[in-house]
Amino acid sequence: MKRLWFSLSALAVLLTVGGQAMAQDAKRPIGFGTLDAASAETVKTQAEAWLKATGKMDGGMADQFETIWKQDRPVLDRLADTFGLGNAEAAKLIAEARDTSAPAPSAVPTILKDNNQSEFFRANFGLAYARALNNRRVHEEALDVLKLFKAEQVVDPAAYLFNRAVSEYSLLNKEDANRTIRRLLDEAGTFSPERFKAVALLMQLDMVAWKTKDLDDIARKMKDVERRLDLSRGGPVTQEKQRDILARLDEVIKKLENQQKKGGGT
């Protein structure tokens, strides 16, 4: 099952930015439609109203806005670029989040906690920002951002739930990941991308076999430490995780030694 977990981690990150759709349908109908995504037209109208409210919708800005919304790109990407037009800090943050050569952020941006900013901006920019972080495997901060908001507050609830599930699964938060996946499959609507549903089902299937303190559990924890070291996070948290892995390995070794002793005595 270890091999499945490794492949799922890579696949989930790829699909976070909308990779090739997977043609895998579930046997039962998924989604009751209670959290359907807003249409592109609706989101464009909301984005335009937000940009006008910033007072920066001059002639040049209007042209840039129209150029963004004429592009054949995911709605969330177009919305994030619109936020970048009206807010220089947002433009800087999303650029840094997408830049694989930039240092990984270690805290939630203050702007996402600023109640002077509209909920429409904070929730949807937060989702775009978290998705970019997930794509870089910066799952801790991605999850911290997503926890500030609810699926009902964003224009694409399925993307919110999928990214939250990816973060929770990658951080080995089994109960939380299963809870989020159930919401994605049951509530995110019949128009939720099939790739989201397929990967969610694979994550769910993988977690069924998760056990604590076995070799696969240790392998998952080692993979998480490897990820943190790749992000230059070798501080106290990573060191504590390494100590836990060593303790678990010691337990497994002692258990095997005891089993061999019992076997040799029969």
C-alpha atoms as a PDB file:
ATOM      1  CA  MET A   1       0.000   0.000   0.000  1.00  0.00           C
ATOM      2  CA  LYS A   2       3.033   2.249   0.390  1.00  0.00           C
ATOM      3  CA  ARG A   3       3.455   2.520  -3.372  1.00  0.00           C
ATOM      4  CA  LEU A   4      -0.171   3.627  -3.732  1.00  0.00           C
ATOM      5  CA  TRP A   5       0.318   6.392  -1.158  1.00  0.00           C
ATOM      6  CA  PHE A   6       3.388   7.751  -2.933  1.00  0.00           C
ATOM      7  CA  SER A   7       1.675   7.797  -6.325  1.00  0.00           C
ATOM      8  CA  LEU A   8      -1.460   9.371  -4.890  1.00  0.00           C
ATOM      9  CA  SER A   9       0.519  12.186  -3.319  1.00  0.00           C
ATOM     10  CA  ALA A  10       2.094  13.119  -6.632  1.00  0.00           C
ATOM     11  CA  LEU A  11      -1.164  12.708  -8.545  1.00  0.00           C
ATOM     12  CA  ALA A  12      -3.158  14.831  -6.142  1.00  0.00           C
ATOM     13  CA  VAL A  13      -0.660  17.688  -6.384  1.00  0.00           C
ATOM     14  CA  LEU A  14      -0.757  17.528 -10.173  1.00  0.00           C
ATOM     15  CA  LEU A  15      -4.530  17.638 -10.254  1.00  0.00           C
ATOM     16  CA  THR A  16      -4.646  20.581  -7.853  1.00  0.00           C
ATOM     17  CA  VAL A  17      -3.823  22.862 -10.768  1.00  0.00           C
ATOM     18  CA  GLY A  18      -6.254  21.141 -13.099  1.00  0.00           C
ATOM     19  CA  GLY A  19      -4.252  18.453 -14.871  1.00  0.00           C
ATOM     20  CA  GLN A  20      -5.639  16.088 -17.442  1.00  0.00           C
ATOM     21  CA  ALA A  21      -9.117  14.889 -16.503  1.00  0.00           C
ATOM     22  CA  MET A  22      -9.402  11.264 -15.485  1.00  0.00           C
ATOM     23  CA  ALA A  23     -12.140   9.275 -17.203  1.00  0.00           C
ATOM     24  CA  GLN A  24     -13.057   7.197 -14.191  1.00  0.00           C
ATOM     25  CA  ASP A  25     -16.706   7.241 -13.184  1.00  0.00           C
ATOM     26  CA  ALA A  26     -17.998   5.973  -9.874  1.00  0.00           C
ATOM     27  CA  LYS A  27     -20.518   3.123  -9.817  1.00  0.00           C
ATOM     28  CA  ARG A  28     -23.038   5.224  -7.919  1.00  0.00           C
ATOM     29  CA  PRO A  29     -24.138   8.804  -8.607  1.00  0.00           C
ATOM     30  CA  ILE A  30     -22.021  11.270  -6.655  1.00  0.00           C
ATOM     31  CA  GLY A  31     -23.117  14.732  -5.584  1.00  0.00           C
ATOM     32  CA  PHE A  32     -26.431  16.127  -4.493  1.00  0.00           C
ATOM     33  CA  GLY A  33     -25.761  19.556  -5.969  1.00  0.00           C
ATOM     34  CA  THR A  34     -25.926  21.502  -2.713  1.00  0.00           C
ATOM     35  CA  LEU A  35     -22.547  23.144  -3.324  1.00  0.00           C
ATOM     36  CA  ASP A  36     -22.469  23.742  -7.061  1.00  0.00           C
ATOM     37  CA  ALA A  37     -19.889  26.138  -8.470  1.00  0.00           C
ATOM     38  CA  ALA A  38     -20.951  29.578  -9.662  1.00  0.00           C
ATOM     39  CA  SER A  39     -21.046  30.115 -13.406  1.00  0.00           C
ATOM     40  CA  ALA A  40     -18.208  31.979 -15.134  1.00  0.00           C
ATOM     41  CA  GLU A  41     -20.608  34.797 -15.990  1.00  0.00           C
ATOM     42  CA  THR A  42     -21.683  35.184 -12.370  1.00  0.00           C
ATOM     43  CA  VAL A  43     -18.103  35.187 -11.112  1.00  0.00           C
ATOM     44  CA  LYS A  44     -17.075  37.735 -13.740  1.00  0.00           C
ATOM     45  CA  THR A  45     -19.867  40.042 -12.599  1.00  0.00           C
ATOM     46  CA  GLN A  46     -18.801  39.685  -8.967  1.00  0.00           C
ATOM     47  CA  ALA A  47     -15.145  40.213  -9.880  1.00  0.00           C
ATOM     48  CA  GLU A  48     -15.967  43.353 -11.859  1.00  0.00           C
ATOM     49  CA  ALA A  49     -17.983  44.745  -8.943  1.00  0.00           C
ATOM     50  CA  TRP A  50     -15.076  44.037  -6.582  1.00  0.00           C
ATOM     51  CA  LEU A  51     -12.564  45.712  -8.909  1.00  0.00           C
ATOM     52  CA  LYS A  52     -14.779  48.789  -9.285  1.00  0.00           C
ATOM     53  CA  ALA A  53     -15.051  49.011  -5.499  1.00  0.00           C
ATOM     54  CA  THR A  54     -11.264  49.341  -5.273  1.00  0.00           C
ATOM     55  CA  GLY A  55     -11.485  52.568  -7.276  1.00  0.00           C
ATOM     56  CA  LYS A  56      -8.937  51.344  -9.805  1.00  0.00           C
ATOM     57  CA  MET A  57     -11.252  50.521 -12.694  1.00  0.00           C
ATOM     58  CA  ASP A  58      -9.917  53.145 -15.086  1.00  0.00           C
ATOM     59  CA  GLY A  59      -9.777  52.708 -18.842  1.00  0.00           C
ATOM     60  CA  GLY A  60      -6.556  50.686 -18.888  1.00  0.00           C
ATOM     61  CA  MET A  61      -7.640  48.520 -15.996  1.00  0.00           C
ATOM     62  CA  ALA A  62     -10.961  47.797 -17.668  1.00  0.00           C
ATOM     63  CA  ASP A  63      -9.138  46.577 -20.768  1.00  0.00           C
ATOM     64  CA  GLN A  64      -6.890  44.315 -18.691  1.00  0.00           C
ATOM     65  CA  PHE A  65      -9.937  42.957 -16.891  1.00  0.00           C
ATOM     66  CA  GLU A  66     -11.672  42.092 -20.157  1.00  0.00           C
ATOM     67  CA  THR A  67      -8.504  40.434 -21.466  1.00  0.00           C
ATOM     68  CA  ILE A  68      -8.341  38.223 -18.385  1.00  0.00           C
ATOM     69  CA  TRP A  69     -11.948  37.122 -18.682  1.00  0.00           C
ATOM     70  CA  LYS A  70     -11.708  36.366 -22.394  1.00  0.00           C
ATOM     71  CA  GLN A  71      -9.042  33.761 -21.710  1.00  0.00           C
ATOM     72  CA  ASP A  72      -9.866  30.070 -21.754  1.00  0.00           C
ATOM     73  CA  ARG A  73      -8.588  29.364 -18.255  1.00  0.00           C
ATOM     74  CA  PRO A  74     -10.154  28.076 -15.033  1.00  0.00           C
ATOM     75  CA  VAL A  75     -12.453  30.619 -13.414  1.00  0.00           C
ATOM     76  CA  LEU A  76     -10.424  30.583 -10.207  1.00  0.00           C
ATOM     77  CA  ASP A  77      -7.260  31.519 -12.112  1.00  0.00           C
ATOM     78  CA  ARG A  78      -9.016  34.423 -13.823  1.00  0.00           C
ATOM     79  CA  LEU A  79     -10.420  35.559 -10.497  1.00  0.00           C
ATOM     80  CA  ALA A  80      -6.973  35.412  -8.854  1.00  0.00           C
ATOM     81  CA  ASP A  81      -5.527  37.545 -11.675  1.00  0.00           C
ATOM     82  CA  THR A  82      -8.373  40.024 -11.212  1.00  0.00           C
ATOM     83  CA  PHE A  83      -7.499  40.312  -7.529  1.00  0.00           C
ATOM     84  CA  GLY A  84      -3.924  40.986  -8.604  1.00  0.00           C
ATOM     85  CA  LEU A  85      -5.118  43.906 -10.727  1.00  0.00           C
ATOM     86  CA  GLY A  86      -6.888  45.582  -7.833  1.00  0.00           C
ATOM     87  CA  ASN A  87      -4.533  44.687  -4.988  1.00  0.00           C
ATOM     88  CA  ALA A  88      -0.738  44.870  -5.343  1.00  0.00           C
ATOM     89  CA  GLU A  89      -0.169  42.733  -2.241  1.00  0.00           C
ATOM     90  CA  ALA A  90      -2.388  39.994  -3.647  1.00  0.00           C
ATOM     91  CA  ALA A  91      -0.452  40.081  -6.923  1.00  0.00           C
ATOM     92  CA  LYS A  92       2.828  39.693  -5.035  1.00  0.00           C
ATOM     93  CA  LEU A  93       1.537  36.888  -2.808  1.00  0.00           C
ATOM     94  CA  ILE A  94       0.089  34.754  -5.608  1.00  0.00           C
ATOM     95  CA  ALA A  95       3.252  35.229  -7.701  1.00  0.00           C
ATOM     96  CA  GLU A  96       5.412  34.059  -4.798  1.00  0.00           C
ATOM     97  CA  ALA A  97       3.093  31.136  -4.065  1.00  0.00           C
ATOM     98  CA  ARG A  98       3.341  29.967  -7.676  1.00  0.00           C
ATOM     99  CA  ASP A  99       7.120  30.445  -7.862  1.00  0.00           C
ATOM    100  CA  THR A 100       8.794  27.119  -7.104  1.00  0.00           C
ATOM    101  CA  SER A 101      12.131  28.878  -6.574  1.00  0.00           C
ATOM    102  CA  ALA A 102      10.753  31.242  -3.918  1.00  0.00           C
ATOM    103  CA  PRO A 103      10.999  30.295  -0.216  1.00  0.00           C
ATOM    104  CA  ALA A 104       7.895  28.547   1.081  1.00  0.00           C
ATOM    105  CA  PRO A 105       5.770  30.840   3.280  1.00  0.00           C
ATOM    106  CA  SER A 106       5.731  30.050   6.968  1.00  0.00           C
ATOM    107  CA  ALA A 107       2.579  31.942   7.976  1.00  0.00           C
ATOM    108  CA  VAL A 108      -0.873  32.846   6.698  1.00  0.00           C
ATOM    109  CA  PRO A 109      -0.778  36.249   4.927  1.00  0.00           C
ATOM    110  CA  THR A 110      -2.207  39.024   7.073  1.00  0.00           C
ATOM    111  CA  ILE A 111      -4.411  40.245   4.236  1.00  0.00           C
ATOM    112  CA  LEU A 112      -6.474  37.043   4.464  1.00  0.00           C
ATOM    113  CA  LYS A 113      -7.334  37.858   8.079  1.00  0.00           C
ATOM    114  CA  ASP A 114      -8.095  41.525   7.426  1.00  0.00           C
ATOM    115  CA  ASN A 115     -11.801  42.099   7.991  1.00  0.00           C
ATOM    116  CA  ASN A 116     -11.527  45.396   6.139  1.00  0.00           C
ATOM    117  CA  GLN A 117     -11.217  43.299   3.000  1.00  0.00           C
ATOM    118  CA  SER A 118     -14.416  41.833   1.568  1.00  0.00           C
ATOM    119  CA  GLU A 119     -15.306  38.220   2.268  1.00  0.00           C
ATOM    120  CA  PHE A 120     -15.531  37.642  -1.491  1.00  0.00           C
ATOM    121  CA  PHE A 121     -11.901  38.681  -1.890  1.00  0.00           C
ATOM    122  CA  ARG A 122     -10.494  36.956   1.189  1.00  0.00           C
ATOM    123  CA  ALA A 123     -12.228  33.587   0.696  1.00  0.00           C
ATOM    124  CA  ASN A 124     -11.593  33.252  -3.021  1.00  0.00           C
ATOM    125  CA  PHE A 125      -8.079  34.662  -2.989  1.00  0.00           C
ATOM    126  CA  GLY A 126      -7.395  32.347  -0.055  1.00  0.00           C
ATOM    127  CA  LEU A 127      -8.528  29.366  -2.120  1.00  0.00           C
ATOM    128  CA  ALA A 128      -6.345  30.360  -5.090  1.00  0.00           C
ATOM    129  CA  TYR A 129      -3.395  30.941  -2.761  1.00  0.00           C
ATOM    130  CA  ALA A 130      -3.870  27.605  -0.965  1.00  0.00           C
ATOM    131  CA  ARG A 131      -4.129  25.757  -4.266  1.00  0.00           C
ATOM    132  CA  ALA A 132      -0.814  27.262  -5.384  1.00  0.00           C
ATOM    133  CA  LEU A 133       0.794  26.194  -2.105  1.00  0.00           C
ATOM    134  CA  ASN A 134      -0.582  22.663  -2.409  1.00  0.00           C
ATOM    135  CA  ASN A 135       0.955  22.428  -5.849  1.00  0.00           C
ATOM    136  CA  ARG A 136       4.330  23.097  -4.195  1.00  0.00           C
ATOM    137  CA  ARG A 137       3.573  20.594  -1.384  1.00  0.00           C
ATOM    138  CA  VAL A 138       3.378  23.401   1.184  1.00  0.00           C
ATOM    139  CA  HIS A 139       0.434  21.670   2.778  1.00  0.00           C
ATOM    140  CA  GLU A 140       0.631  23.129   6.287  1.00  0.00           C
ATOM    141  CA  GLU A 141       0.051  26.741   5.279  1.00  0.00           C
ATOM    142  CA  ALA A 142      -2.390  25.703   2.562  1.00  0.00           C
ATOM    143  CA  LEU A 143      -4.544  24.007   5.190  1.00  0.00           C
ATOM    144  CA  ASP A 144      -4.207  26.931   7.616  1.00  0.00           C
ATOM    145  CA  VAL A 145      -5.531  29.254   4.914  1.00  0.00           C
ATOM    146  CA  LEU A 146      -8.430  26.985   3.975  1.00  0.00           C
ATOM    147  CA  LYS A 147      -9.470  26.651   7.612  1.00  0.00           C
ATOM    148  CA  LEU A 148     -10.181  30.389   7.664  1.00  0.00           C
ATOM    149  CA  PHE A 149     -13.094  29.918   5.272  1.00  0.00           C
ATOM    150  CA  LYS A 150     -15.893  27.551   4.325  1.00  0.00           C
ATOM    151  CA  ALA A 151     -16.776  25.827   1.069  1.00  0.00           C
ATOM    152  CA  GLU A 152     -19.979  27.884   0.968  1.00  0.00           C
ATOM    153  CA  GLN A 153     -17.975  31.130   0.796  1.00  0.00           C
ATOM    154  CA  VAL A 154     -16.072  30.434  -2.434  1.00  0.00           C
ATOM    155  CA  VAL A 155     -17.095  30.406  -6.082  1.00  0.00           C
ATOM    156  CA  ASP A 156     -15.836  26.817  -6.520  1.00  0.00           C
ATOM    157  CA  PRO A 157     -16.734  24.687  -3.479  1.00  0.00           C
ATOM    158  CA  ALA A 158     -15.419  21.503  -5.116  1.00  0.00           C
ATOM    159  CA  ALA A 159     -11.976  23.065  -5.547  1.00  0.00           C
ATOM    160  CA  TYR A 160     -12.045  24.153  -1.910  1.00  0.00           C
ATOM    161  CA  LEU A 161     -12.964  20.684  -0.645  1.00  0.00           C
ATOM    162  CA  PHE A 162     -10.545  18.926  -2.971  1.00  0.00           C
ATOM    163  CA  ASN A 163      -7.617  21.115  -1.933  1.00  0.00           C
ATOM    164  CA  ARG A 164      -8.496  20.756   1.719  1.00  0.00           C
ATOM    165  CA  ALA A 165      -8.644  16.976   1.343  1.00  0.00           C
ATOM    166  CA  VAL A 166      -5.257  16.966  -0.414  1.00  0.00           C
ATOM    167  CA  SER A 167      -3.720  18.974   2.430  1.00  0.00           C
ATOM    168  CA  GLU A 168      -5.244  16.805   5.154  1.00  0.00           C
ATOM    169  CA  TYR A 169      -4.365  13.559   3.381  1.00  0.00           C
ATOM    170  CA  SER A 170      -0.786  14.676   2.721  1.00  0.00           C
ATOM    171  CA  LEU A 171      -0.382  15.684   6.371  1.00  0.00           C
ATOM    172  CA  LEU A 172      -1.706  12.255   7.420  1.00  0.00           C
ATOM    173  CA  ASN A 173      -4.844  13.683   9.064  1.00  0.00           C
ATOM    174  CA  LYS A 174      -6.960  10.644   8.271  1.00  0.00           C
ATOM    175  CA  GLU A 175     -10.206  11.557  10.043  1.00  0.00           C
ATOM    176  CA  ASP A 176     -10.245  15.110   8.708  1.00  0.00           C
ATOM    177  CA  ALA A 177      -9.396  13.982   5.171  1.00  0.00           C
ATOM    178  CA  ASN A 178     -12.164  11.385   5.175  1.00  0.00           C
ATOM    179  CA  ARG A 179     -14.668  13.943   6.446  1.00  0.00           C
ATOM    180  CA  THR A 180     -13.710  16.421   3.737  1.00  0.00           C
ATOM    181  CA  ILE A 181     -13.780  13.776   1.013  1.00  0.00           C
ATOM    182  CA  ARG A 182     -17.283  12.740   2.041  1.00  0.00           C
ATOM    183  CA  ARG A 183     -18.413  16.343   1.630  1.00  0.00           C
ATOM    184  CA  LEU A 184     -16.705  16.568  -1.751  1.00  0.00           C
ATOM    185  CA  LEU A 185     -18.400  13.426  -3.018  1.00  0.00           C
ATOM    186  CA  ASP A 186     -21.809  14.044  -1.468  1.00  0.00           C
ATOM    187  CA  GLU A 187     -22.285  17.812  -1.568  1.00  0.00           C
ATOM    188  CA  ALA A 188     -20.054  19.400  -4.185  1.00  0.00           C
ATOM    189  CA  GLY A 189     -22.484  18.959  -7.018  1.00  0.00           C
ATOM    190  CA  THR A 190     -22.834  16.789 -10.073  1.00  0.00           C
ATOM    191  CA  PHE A 191     -20.620  19.158 -12.071  1.00  0.00           C
ATOM    192  CA  SER A 192     -17.600  18.666  -9.819  1.00  0.00           C
ATOM    193  CA  PRO A 193     -14.669  17.625 -12.073  1.00  0.00           C
ATOM    194  CA  GLU A 194     -14.360  13.870 -12.482  1.00  0.00           C
ATOM    195  CA  ARG A 195     -10.653  14.135 -11.684  1.00  0.00           C
ATOM    196  CA  PHE A 196     -11.523  15.486  -8.234  1.00  0.00           C
ATOM    197  CA  LYS A 197     -13.894  12.609  -7.566  1.00  0.00           C
ATOM    198  CA  ALA A 198     -11.486   9.987  -8.896  1.00  0.00           C
ATOM    199  CA  VAL A 199      -8.536  11.155  -6.814  1.00  0.00           C
ATOM    200  CA  ALA A 200     -10.757  11.593  -3.748  1.00  0.00           C
ATOM    201  CA  LEU A 201     -11.938   8.003  -4.059  1.00  0.00           C
ATOM    202  CA  LEU A 202      -8.346   6.811  -4.428  1.00  0.00           C
ATOM    203  CA  MET A 203      -7.290   8.730  -1.322  1.00  0.00           C
ATOM    204  CA  GLN A 204     -10.237   7.291   0.564  1.00  0.00           C
ATOM    205  CA  LEU A 205      -9.380   3.769  -0.566  1.00  0.00           C
ATOM    206  CA  ASP A 206      -5.753   4.218   0.444  1.00  0.00           C
ATOM    207  CA  MET A 207      -6.649   5.446   3.928  1.00  0.00           C
ATOM    208  CA  VAL A 208      -8.783   2.358   4.597  1.00  0.00           C
ATOM    209  CA  ALA A 209      -5.546   0.376   4.894  1.00  0.00           C
ATOM    210  CA  TRP A 210      -3.738   2.913   7.080  1.00  0.00           C
ATOM    211  CA  LYS A 211      -2.659   1.506  10.433  1.00  0.00           C
ATOM    212  CA  THR A 212      -0.629   3.130  13.168  1.00  0.00           C
ATOM    213  CA  LYS A 213       2.855   1.972  14.116  1.00  0.00           C
ATOM    214  CA  ASP A 214       3.304  -0.439  11.194  1.00  0.00           C
ATOM    215  CA  LEU A 215       6.007  -0.171   8.523  1.00  0.00           C
ATOM    216  CA  ASP A 216       3.713   1.584   6.059  1.00  0.00           C
ATOM    217  CA  ASP A 217       2.866   4.170   8.706  1.00  0.00           C
ATOM    218  CA  ILE A 218       6.562   4.762   9.286  1.00  0.00           C
ATOM    219  CA  ALA A 219       7.116   5.072   5.522  1.00  0.00           C
ATOM    220  CA  ARG A 220       4.376   7.718   5.280  1.00  0.00           C
ATOM    221  CA  LYS A 221       5.946   9.689   8.106  1.00  0.00           C
ATOM    222  CA  MET A 222       9.373   9.432   6.476  1.00  0.00           C
ATOM    223  CA  LYS A 223       7.902  10.743   3.230  1.00  0.00           C
ATOM    224  CA  ASP A 224       6.434  13.699   5.111  1.00  0.00           C
ATOM    225  CA  VAL A 225       9.820  14.467   6.691  1.00  0.00           C
ATOM    226  CA  GLU A 226      11.442  14.246   3.257  1.00  0.00           C
ATOM    227  CA  ARG A 227       8.895  16.774   1.962  1.00  0.00           C
ATOM    228  CA  ARG A 228       9.614  19.162   4.811  1.00  0.00           C
ATOM    229  CA  LEU A 229      13.358  18.918   4.256  1.00  0.00           C
ATOM    230  CA  ASP A 230      12.832  19.632   0.548  1.00  0.00           C
ATOM    231  CA  LEU A 231      11.097  22.839   1.682  1.00  0.00           C
ATOM    232  CA  SER A 232      14.102  23.699   3.896  1.00  0.00           C
ATOM    233  CA  ARG A 233      12.068  23.042   7.029  1.00  0.00           C
ATOM    234  CA  GLY A 234      14.566  21.241   9.196  1.00  0.00           C
ATOM    235  CA  GLY A 235      13.584  22.951  12.435  1.00  0.00           C
ATOM    236  CA  PRO A 236      12.072  21.667  15.692  1.00  0.00           C
ATOM    237  CA  VAL A 237       8.868  20.294  14.124  1.00  0.00           C
ATOM    238  CA  THR A 238      10.780  18.191  11.597  1.00  0.00           C
ATOM    239  CA  GLN A 239      13.244  17.064  14.252  1.00  0.00           C
ATOM    240  CA  GLU A 240      10.369  15.934  16.466  1.00  0.00           C
ATOM    241  CA  LYS A 241       8.920  13.971  13.544  1.00  0.00           C
ATOM    242  CA  GLN A 242      12.318  12.337  12.999  1.00  0.00           C
ATOM    243  CA  ARG A 243      12.533  11.337  16.654  1.00  0.00           C
ATOM    244  CA  ASP A 244       9.051   9.843  16.427  1.00  0.00           C
ATOM    245  CA  ILE A 245      10.075   7.812  13.360  1.00  0.00           C
ATOM    246  CA  LEU A 246      13.146   6.471  15.162  1.00  0.00           C
ATOM    247  CA  ALA A 247      11.030   5.529  18.170  1.00  0.00           C
ATOM    248  CA  ARG A 248       8.523   3.731  15.934  1.00  0.00           C
ATOM    249  CA  LEU A 249      11.323   1.877  14.134  1.00  0.00           C
ATOM    250  CA  ASP A 250      12.752   0.816  17.477  1.00  0.00           C
ATOM    251  CA  GLU A 251       9.349  -0.540  18.498  1.00  0.00           C
ATOM    252  CA  VAL A 252       9.021  -2.509  15.261  1.00  0.00           C
ATOM    253  CA  ILE A 253      12.533  -3.949  15.623  1.00  0.00           C
ATOM    254  CA  LYS A 254      11.879  -5.026  19.211  1.00  0.00           C
ATOM    255  CA  LYS A 255       8.579  -6.600  18.188  1.00  0.00           C
ATOM    256  CA  LEU A 256      10.285  -8.586  15.424  1.00  0.00           C
ATOM    257  CA  GLU A 257      13.054  -9.663  17.784  1.00  0.00           C
ATOM    258  CA  ASN A 258      10.491 -10.887  20.319  1.00  0.00           C
ATOM    259  CA  GLN A 259       8.646 -12.813  17.621  1.00  0.00           C
ATOM    260  CA  GLN A 260      11.888 -14.476  16.540  1.00  0.00           C
ATOM    261  CA  LYS A 261      12.705 -15.423  20.132  1.00  0.00           C
ATOM    262  CA  LYS A 262       9.278 -16.981  20.603  1.00  0.00           C
ATOM    263  CA  GLY A 263       9.602 -18.807  17.303  1.00  0.00           C
ATOM    264  CA  GLY A 264      13.023 -20.130  18.223  1.00  0.00           C
ATOM    265  CA  GLY A 265      11.771 -21.499  21.504  1.00  0.00           C
ATOM    266  CA  THR A 266       9.082 -23.709  19.995  1.00  0.00           C
END
